[in-house]
Protein backbone atom coordinates (compact mmCIF):
# COMPACT_ATOMS: atom_id res chain seq x y z
CA MET A 1 119.48 112.51 122.90
CA LEU A 2 117.29 113.00 125.93
CA ALA A 3 113.59 113.29 125.64
CA PRO A 4 110.75 112.50 127.80
CA LYS A 5 108.95 109.11 127.16
CA ARG A 6 105.30 110.72 127.47
CA VAL A 7 104.10 114.14 127.90
CA LYS A 8 100.58 115.15 128.89
CA TRP A 9 100.56 117.78 126.36
CA ARG A 10 102.30 117.54 122.97
CA LYS A 11 102.95 121.37 122.28
CA GLN A 12 103.47 123.93 125.00
CA GLN A 13 103.58 127.68 125.07
CA LYS A 14 106.87 129.66 125.68
CA GLY A 15 106.18 130.78 129.07
CA LYS A 16 108.34 133.33 130.91
CA MET A 17 111.91 132.97 132.43
CA LYS A 18 111.50 135.40 135.37
CA GLY A 19 113.63 135.33 138.77
CA LYS A 20 116.19 133.06 140.03
CA ALA A 21 116.29 129.10 140.42
CA SER A 22 114.38 128.35 143.67
CA ARG A 23 115.25 124.67 143.45
CA GLY A 24 118.16 122.72 142.02
CA ASN A 25 120.63 125.52 143.21
CA THR A 26 122.59 123.71 145.63
CA LEU A 27 125.32 120.62 145.15
CA LEU A 28 123.94 117.54 146.26
CA HIS A 29 126.07 114.44 145.11
CA GLY A 30 129.44 115.87 143.66
CA ASP A 31 132.21 118.05 144.86
CA TYR A 32 132.48 120.42 141.94
CA GLY A 33 129.54 121.75 139.78
CA LEU A 34 128.62 124.02 136.88
CA GLN A 35 126.37 126.65 137.72
CA ALA A 36 124.08 128.69 135.41
CA ALA A 37 124.69 132.55 135.68
CA GLU A 38 122.00 133.54 133.16
CA CYS A 39 118.61 132.39 131.93
CA GLY A 40 117.94 130.56 128.76
CA TYR A 41 117.21 127.13 127.06
CA ILE A 42 119.53 124.38 126.62
CA THR A 43 118.82 121.59 124.19
CA SER A 44 119.15 117.76 124.71
CA ARG A 45 122.01 117.97 121.89
CA GLN A 46 123.81 120.72 124.13
CA ILE A 47 123.37 118.51 127.24
CA GLU A 48 124.69 115.49 125.69
CA ALA A 49 127.67 117.32 123.83
CA ALA A 50 128.77 118.74 127.27
CA ARG A 51 128.54 115.04 129.04
CA ILE A 52 130.67 113.80 126.33
CA ALA A 53 133.19 116.56 126.54
CA VAL A 54 133.46 115.82 130.40
CA SER A 55 133.70 112.19 130.09
CA LYS A 56 136.34 112.40 127.44
CA PHE A 57 138.59 114.69 129.45
CA THR A 58 138.29 112.65 132.84
CA LYS A 59 138.90 109.41 130.75
CA LYS A 60 135.57 108.32 132.46
CA GLY A 61 137.45 108.58 135.69
CA GLY A 62 135.11 109.82 138.77
CA GLN A 63 131.51 110.11 138.78
CA MET A 64 129.17 112.69 136.97
CA TRP A 65 125.65 113.66 137.44
CA ILE A 66 123.49 115.43 135.12
CA ARG A 67 120.90 117.81 136.98
CA ILE A 68 118.69 118.86 134.05
CA PHE A 69 116.60 117.26 131.73
CA PRO A 70 114.80 118.73 128.67
CA ASP A 71 110.97 118.28 129.13
CA LYS A 72 109.69 121.19 127.15
CA PRO A 73 108.93 120.65 123.45
CA ARG A 74 110.06 123.47 121.15
CA THR A 75 108.19 123.71 117.76
CA LYS A 76 109.19 125.05 114.49
CA LYS A 77 107.37 125.86 111.26
CA PRO A 78 108.77 124.88 108.01
CA ALA A 79 110.86 127.59 106.02
CA GLU A 80 108.91 129.80 103.49
CA VAL A 81 105.38 128.76 104.85
CA ARG A 82 102.68 131.30 104.95
CA MET A 83 101.39 132.73 108.27
CA GLY A 84 98.60 131.11 109.99
CA SER A 85 97.50 127.25 109.90
CA GLY A 86 98.40 126.49 113.34
CA LYS A 87 101.38 125.44 115.38
CA GLY A 88 104.38 124.03 113.99
CA ASN A 89 105.87 120.58 114.70
CA VAL A 90 107.95 119.65 117.58
CA GLU A 91 111.52 120.09 116.40
CA ASP A 92 113.53 119.27 119.61
CA TRP A 93 113.28 119.19 123.64
CA VAL A 94 114.73 121.82 125.67
CA CYS A 95 115.28 122.76 129.34
CA VAL A 96 114.28 126.05 130.85
CA ILE A 97 117.42 127.35 133.05
CA LYS A 98 117.10 130.10 135.40
CA PRO A 99 120.33 131.87 137.22
CA GLY A 100 121.64 129.47 140.07
CA ARG A 101 120.68 126.28 138.60
CA ILE A 102 123.22 123.48 138.98
CA LEU A 103 123.67 121.90 135.51
CA TYR A 104 126.45 119.28 136.20
CA GLU A 105 128.28 117.82 139.06
CA ILE A 106 131.40 115.84 139.15
CA LYS A 107 132.83 113.80 142.09
CA GLY A 108 136.19 111.61 142.22
CA VAL A 109 138.55 113.60 140.42
CA THR A 110 141.30 116.29 141.52
CA ALA A 111 140.26 120.01 141.77
CA LEU A 112 142.24 120.93 138.92
CA GLU A 113 140.67 117.99 136.55
CA ALA A 114 137.10 119.04 137.71
CA GLN A 115 137.59 122.86 136.81
CA THR A 116 138.96 121.87 133.44
CA ALA A 117 136.35 119.23 132.54
CA MET A 118 133.61 121.91 133.87
CA ARG A 119 135.30 124.54 131.31
CA MET A 120 135.12 121.81 128.55
CA ALA A 121 131.37 121.56 129.49
CA ASN A 122 130.95 125.22 129.45
CA TYR A 123 132.39 125.62 125.76
CA LYS A 124 129.33 123.36 124.63
CA LEU A 125 126.70 125.27 126.48
CA PRO A 126 125.01 128.74 125.18
CA LEU A 127 124.80 130.17 128.71
CA LYS A 128 127.22 131.97 130.82
CA THR A 129 128.13 129.53 133.95
CA LYS A 130 130.28 129.33 136.77
CA ILE A 131 132.17 126.38 138.48
CA ILE A 132 131.34 125.94 142.11
CA SER A 133 132.77 123.53 144.70
CA ASN A 134 131.42 122.14 147.96
CA ALA A 135 133.93 124.26 149.79
CA GLN A 136 132.46 127.38 148.65
CA GLN A 137 128.85 126.46 149.51
CA VAL A 138 130.05 125.62 153.11
CA ALA A 139 131.90 128.72 153.49
CA VAL A 140 128.90 130.70 152.30
CA ALA A 141 126.56 128.84 154.57
CA SER A 142 128.74 129.33 157.56
CA SER A 143 129.32 132.86 157.01
CA GLY A 144 125.50 133.55 156.68
CA ALA A 145 125.15 131.89 160.09
CA LYS A 146 127.58 134.12 161.90
CA GLN A 147 125.81 137.18 160.37
CA GLY A 148 122.52 135.91 161.70
CA ASP A 149 123.98 135.22 165.25
CA ALA A 150 125.33 138.72 165.71
């Protein structure tokens, strides 16, 4: 499972998940990607399960990038423990996801294979996602430039 080697603070507060992703929201390496449509947490186990689903479907063809990393500790108290006596122990590591964040990228496979593989990954994740391609990003960028010129 994915987990950081060292952290400055062993336990963190929950924080807020407001707004859209300001970074990590464009494709960098691959031709196709899986983009989050809502906010939430993804655990290291879910990231790994989605990775395995994609690699099994593509039969290890092409190249895949995982664009997220679980760096936030999530704590939990044992069952049937009374209130108080401090914060619970770290149970797992999660990644905070905001809408627009690219989760996975894939390259070197056909369009149909990439879309099916990303759908397989989507089944393993607790968030709503959408499949995007480099062609869509180029079209959106060029249409934005035309509107700005007029």
